[in-house]
Amino acid sequence: MSGAAQQKVRIQKVQELSYELKVRAAMNKKILTLNPRPTVVDVRKILTNRRISGLPIVEKGRLLGIISIEDLINCLASGTMDKGVTDIMTEKVVVLFSDEPLISAIHKFDRYGYGRFPVLDRESGKLVGMITKQDIIRCLLKTLEELYHA
């Protein structure tokens, strides 16, 4: 088989996997969350120290919103850093469900251009993980490697 033909087979397998695998296979289950009480200054310190660009705001397992660096920049531009997290967080959050095909996540990353999506359990509605493009790539490569060795 020529190199181009092998490449085509690999691309087809990745496409198949993106439909077969579920979001839960790629999502990060170990996530840092915040309750709604911290101030903007507290969040800035956490994002800086952890070198992350956003955090889900959760209360009793339920997603209330997401706070990102963009939210902090907008707050800084307004000149008021003494606000609470709930004053500046994004409340209308686009989410994924853990039982969705991975292709749904790929389409949402393409459509919205976000850096991350919270993942909810469809039945309970609770936050169960976060997913990034890097998580998807890592999952696909790991699965391809496992298939190759099998």
C-alpha atoms as a PDB file:
ATOM      1  CA  MET A   1       0.000   0.000   0.000  1.00  0.00           C
ATOM      2  CA  SER A   2       1.358   3.429  -0.916  1.00  0.00           C
ATOM      3  CA  GLY A   3       2.050   6.131   1.643  1.00  0.00           C
ATOM      4  CA  ALA A   4      -0.959   8.150   0.466  1.00  0.00           C
ATOM      5  CA  ALA A   5      -3.229   5.112   0.780  1.00  0.00           C
ATOM      6  CA  GLN A   6      -1.963   4.410   4.317  1.00  0.00           C
ATOM      7  CA  GLN A   7      -2.583   8.043   5.260  1.00  0.00           C
ATOM      8  CA  LYS A   8      -6.157   7.797   3.921  1.00  0.00           C
ATOM      9  CA  VAL A   9      -6.800   4.653   6.001  1.00  0.00           C
ATOM     10  CA  ARG A  10      -5.483   6.397   9.148  1.00  0.00           C
ATOM     11  CA  ILE A  11      -7.674   9.454   8.550  1.00  0.00           C
ATOM     12  CA  GLN A  12     -10.724   7.242   8.006  1.00  0.00           C
ATOM     13  CA  LYS A  13     -10.013   5.410  11.288  1.00  0.00           C
ATOM     14  CA  VAL A  14      -9.770   8.706  13.192  1.00  0.00           C
ATOM     15  CA  GLN A  15     -13.080   9.782  11.658  1.00  0.00           C
ATOM     16  CA  GLU A  16     -14.702   6.482  12.686  1.00  0.00           C
ATOM     17  CA  LEU A  17     -13.358   6.787  16.218  1.00  0.00           C
ATOM     18  CA  SER A  18     -14.687  10.334  16.559  1.00  0.00           C
ATOM     19  CA  TYR A  19     -18.180   8.899  16.022  1.00  0.00           C
ATOM     20  CA  GLU A  20     -17.687   5.763  18.135  1.00  0.00           C
ATOM     21  CA  LEU A  21     -15.961   7.260  21.189  1.00  0.00           C
ATOM     22  CA  LYS A  22     -17.958   9.225  23.723  1.00  0.00           C
ATOM     23  CA  VAL A  23     -17.018  12.524  25.333  1.00  0.00           C
ATOM     24  CA  ARG A  24     -16.504  10.686  28.644  1.00  0.00           C
ATOM     25  CA  ALA A  25     -13.549   8.830  27.083  1.00  0.00           C
ATOM     26  CA  ALA A  26     -11.645  12.071  26.457  1.00  0.00           C
ATOM     27  CA  MET A  27     -12.799  14.424  29.212  1.00  0.00           C
ATOM     28  CA  ASN A  28     -10.703  15.321  32.211  1.00  0.00           C
ATOM     29  CA  LYS A  29     -12.470  14.131  35.364  1.00  0.00           C
ATOM     30  CA  LYS A  30     -10.026  15.801  37.756  1.00  0.00           C
ATOM     31  CA  ILE A  31     -11.193  19.372  37.540  1.00  0.00           C
ATOM     32  CA  LEU A  32     -10.756  22.383  39.722  1.00  0.00           C
ATOM     33  CA  THR A  33     -14.034  24.125  40.471  1.00  0.00           C
ATOM     34  CA  LEU A  34     -15.001  27.171  42.479  1.00  0.00           C
ATOM     35  CA  ASN A  35     -18.055  27.901  44.533  1.00  0.00           C
ATOM     36  CA  PRO A  36     -19.802  31.222  43.827  1.00  0.00           C
ATOM     37  CA  ARG A  37     -18.317  33.101  46.802  1.00  0.00           C
ATOM     38  CA  PRO A  38     -14.758  34.123  45.766  1.00  0.00           C
ATOM     39  CA  THR A  39     -13.978  37.604  44.557  1.00  0.00           C
ATOM     40  CA  VAL A  40     -12.525  38.523  41.188  1.00  0.00           C
ATOM     41  CA  VAL A  41      -9.153  39.123  42.860  1.00  0.00           C
ATOM     42  CA  ASP A  42      -9.243  35.579  44.301  1.00  0.00           C
ATOM     43  CA  VAL A  43     -10.019  34.121  40.868  1.00  0.00           C
ATOM     44  CA  ARG A  44      -7.195  36.079  39.228  1.00  0.00           C
ATOM     45  CA  LYS A  45      -4.754  34.595  41.739  1.00  0.00           C
ATOM     46  CA  ILE A  46      -6.039  31.048  41.171  1.00  0.00           C
ATOM     47  CA  LEU A  47      -5.897  31.321  37.374  1.00  0.00           C
ATOM     48  CA  THR A  48      -2.397  32.796  37.545  1.00  0.00           C
ATOM     49  CA  ASN A  49      -1.027  30.296  40.059  1.00  0.00           C
ATOM     50  CA  ARG A  50      -2.550  27.272  38.320  1.00  0.00           C
ATOM     51  CA  ARG A  51      -1.735  28.607  34.829  1.00  0.00           C
ATOM     52  CA  ILE A  52      -5.239  27.936  33.572  1.00  0.00           C
ATOM     53  CA  SER A  53      -7.578  30.092  31.522  1.00  0.00           C
ATOM     54  CA  GLY A  54     -10.938  29.378  33.113  1.00  0.00           C
ATOM     55  CA  LEU A  55     -12.869  27.651  35.864  1.00  0.00           C
ATOM     56  CA  PRO A  56     -16.372  26.285  36.258  1.00  0.00           C
ATOM     57  CA  ILE A  57     -18.416  27.814  39.062  1.00  0.00           C
ATOM     58  CA  VAL A  58     -20.318  25.036  40.807  1.00  0.00           C
ATOM     59  CA  GLU A  59     -22.673  24.747  43.743  1.00  0.00           C
ATOM     60  CA  LYS A  60     -23.807  21.323  44.998  1.00  0.00           C
ATOM     61  CA  GLY A  61     -22.535  19.709  41.807  1.00  0.00           C
ATOM     62  CA  ARG A  62     -24.568  22.010  39.575  1.00  0.00           C
ATOM     63  CA  LEU A  63     -22.832  24.222  37.036  1.00  0.00           C
ATOM     64  CA  LEU A  64     -23.720  27.884  37.608  1.00  0.00           C
ATOM     65  CA  GLY A  65     -21.323  29.380  35.086  1.00  0.00           C
ATOM     66  CA  ILE A  66     -17.753  29.695  33.894  1.00  0.00           C
ATOM     67  CA  ILE A  67     -15.240  32.390  34.647  1.00  0.00           C
ATOM     68  CA  SER A  68     -12.461  32.937  32.149  1.00  0.00           C
ATOM     69  CA  ILE A  69      -9.551  35.267  31.573  1.00  0.00           C
ATOM     70  CA  GLU A  70     -11.781  37.122  29.117  1.00  0.00           C
ATOM     71  CA  ASP A  71     -14.298  37.761  31.928  1.00  0.00           C
ATOM     72  CA  LEU A  72     -11.452  39.101  34.095  1.00  0.00           C
ATOM     73  CA  ILE A  73     -10.206  41.359  31.301  1.00  0.00           C
ATOM     74  CA  ASN A  74     -13.716  42.751  30.777  1.00  0.00           C
ATOM     75  CA  CYS A  75     -14.015  43.357  34.514  1.00  0.00           C
ATOM     76  CA  LEU A  76     -10.655  45.116  34.597  1.00  0.00           C
ATOM     77  CA  ALA A  77     -11.672  47.261  31.622  1.00  0.00           C
ATOM     78  CA  SER A  78     -14.776  48.363  33.528  1.00  0.00           C
ATOM     79  CA  GLY A  79     -12.512  49.463  36.392  1.00  0.00           C
ATOM     80  CA  THR A  80     -14.176  47.362  39.099  1.00  0.00           C
ATOM     81  CA  MET A  81     -12.123  44.491  40.479  1.00  0.00           C
ATOM     82  CA  ASP A  82     -14.058  44.339  43.760  1.00  0.00           C
ATOM     83  CA  LYS A  83     -16.913  42.269  42.305  1.00  0.00           C
ATOM     84  CA  GLY A  84     -17.797  38.691  43.132  1.00  0.00           C
ATOM     85  CA  VAL A  85     -17.435  35.791  40.736  1.00  0.00           C
ATOM     86  CA  THR A  86     -21.168  35.596  40.037  1.00  0.00           C
ATOM     87  CA  ASP A  87     -21.168  39.245  38.932  1.00  0.00           C
ATOM     88  CA  ILE A  88     -18.826  38.636  36.013  1.00  0.00           C
ATOM     89  CA  MET A  89     -19.016  34.918  35.163  1.00  0.00           C
ATOM     90  CA  THR A  90     -20.598  33.689  31.966  1.00  0.00           C
ATOM     91  CA  GLU A  91     -23.905  32.145  32.937  1.00  0.00           C
ATOM     92  CA  LYS A  92     -25.182  30.898  29.594  1.00  0.00           C
ATOM     93  CA  VAL A  93     -22.628  28.149  29.171  1.00  0.00           C
ATOM     94  CA  VAL A  94     -22.461  25.835  26.177  1.00  0.00           C
ATOM     95  CA  VAL A  95     -22.009  22.319  27.544  1.00  0.00           C
ATOM     96  CA  LEU A  96     -21.410  18.804  26.349  1.00  0.00           C
ATOM     97  CA  PHE A  97     -22.889  15.638  27.793  1.00  0.00           C
ATOM     98  CA  SER A  98     -20.687  12.707  28.737  1.00  0.00           C
ATOM     99  CA  ASP A  99     -22.672  10.298  26.528  1.00  0.00           C
ATOM    100  CA  GLU A 100     -22.362  12.397  23.344  1.00  0.00           C
ATOM    101  CA  PRO A 101     -20.137  11.176  20.517  1.00  0.00           C
ATOM    102  CA  LEU A 102     -16.730  12.824  20.434  1.00  0.00           C
ATOM    103  CA  ILE A 103     -17.610  14.282  17.031  1.00  0.00           C
ATOM    104  CA  SER A 104     -20.145  16.538  18.823  1.00  0.00           C
ATOM    105  CA  ALA A 105     -17.321  18.037  20.866  1.00  0.00           C
ATOM    106  CA  ILE A 106     -15.221  18.527  17.734  1.00  0.00           C
ATOM    107  CA  HIS A 107     -18.098  20.348  16.031  1.00  0.00           C
ATOM    108  CA  LYS A 108     -18.699  22.583  19.065  1.00  0.00           C
ATOM    109  CA  PHE A 109     -15.022  23.533  19.275  1.00  0.00           C
ATOM    110  CA  ASP A 110     -15.162  24.456  15.602  1.00  0.00           C
ATOM    111  CA  ARG A 111     -18.465  26.325  15.915  1.00  0.00           C
ATOM    112  CA  TYR A 112     -17.812  28.339  19.080  1.00  0.00           C
ATOM    113  CA  GLY A 113     -14.015  28.618  19.186  1.00  0.00           C
ATOM    114  CA  TYR A 114     -13.916  28.078  22.952  1.00  0.00           C
ATOM    115  CA  GLY A 115     -10.893  26.654  24.746  1.00  0.00           C
ATOM    116  CA  ARG A 116     -12.857  24.256  26.927  1.00  0.00           C
ATOM    117  CA  PHE A 117     -16.333  22.892  27.537  1.00  0.00           C
ATOM    118  CA  PRO A 118     -17.847  21.656  30.769  1.00  0.00           C
ATOM    119  CA  VAL A 119     -19.209  18.121  30.571  1.00  0.00           C
ATOM    120  CA  LEU A 120     -22.439  17.230  32.344  1.00  0.00           C
ATOM    121  CA  ASP A 121     -24.050  13.917  33.184  1.00  0.00           C
ATOM    122  CA  ARG A 122     -27.255  13.902  31.134  1.00  0.00           C
ATOM    123  CA  GLU A 123     -29.371  12.241  33.835  1.00  0.00           C
ATOM    124  CA  SER A 124     -28.260  14.153  36.933  1.00  0.00           C
ATOM    125  CA  GLY A 125     -27.268  17.398  35.217  1.00  0.00           C
ATOM    126  CA  LYS A 126     -24.160  17.517  37.401  1.00  0.00           C
ATOM    127  CA  LEU A 127     -20.706  18.560  36.246  1.00  0.00           C
ATOM    128  CA  VAL A 128     -18.575  15.458  35.668  1.00  0.00           C
ATOM    129  CA  GLY A 129     -15.618  16.834  33.718  1.00  0.00           C
ATOM    130  CA  MET A 130     -14.081  19.338  31.331  1.00  0.00           C
ATOM    131  CA  ILE A 131     -12.831  18.767  27.816  1.00  0.00           C
ATOM    132  CA  THR A 132     -10.292  20.607  25.662  1.00  0.00           C
ATOM    133  CA  LYS A 133      -9.060  20.061  22.111  1.00  0.00           C
ATOM    134  CA  GLN A 134      -5.884  18.587  23.583  1.00  0.00           C
ATOM    135  CA  ASP A 135      -7.969  16.036  25.517  1.00  0.00           C
ATOM    136  CA  ILE A 136      -9.615  14.939  22.264  1.00  0.00           C
ATOM    137  CA  ILE A 137      -6.309  14.603  20.431  1.00  0.00           C
ATOM    138  CA  ARG A 138      -4.786  12.662  23.338  1.00  0.00           C
ATOM    139  CA  CYS A 139      -7.771  10.285  23.455  1.00  0.00           C
ATOM    140  CA  LEU A 140      -7.758   9.644  19.705  1.00  0.00           C
ATOM    141  CA  LEU A 141      -4.002   9.010  19.621  1.00  0.00           C
ATOM    142  CA  LYS A 142      -4.156   6.682  22.616  1.00  0.00           C
ATOM    143  CA  THR A 143      -7.030   4.715  21.085  1.00  0.00           C
ATOM    144  CA  LEU A 144      -5.256   4.475  17.735  1.00  0.00           C
ATOM    145  CA  GLU A 145      -2.127   3.235  19.467  1.00  0.00           C
ATOM    146  CA  GLU A 146      -4.131   0.579  21.370  1.00  0.00           C
ATOM    147  CA  LEU A 147      -5.765  -0.542  18.108  1.00  0.00           C
ATOM    148  CA  TYR A 148      -2.392  -0.674  16.390  1.00  0.00           C
ATOM    149  CA  HIS A 149      -0.920  -2.899  19.098  1.00  0.00           C
ATOM    150  CA  ALA A 150      -3.987  -5.161  19.099  1.00  0.00           C
END
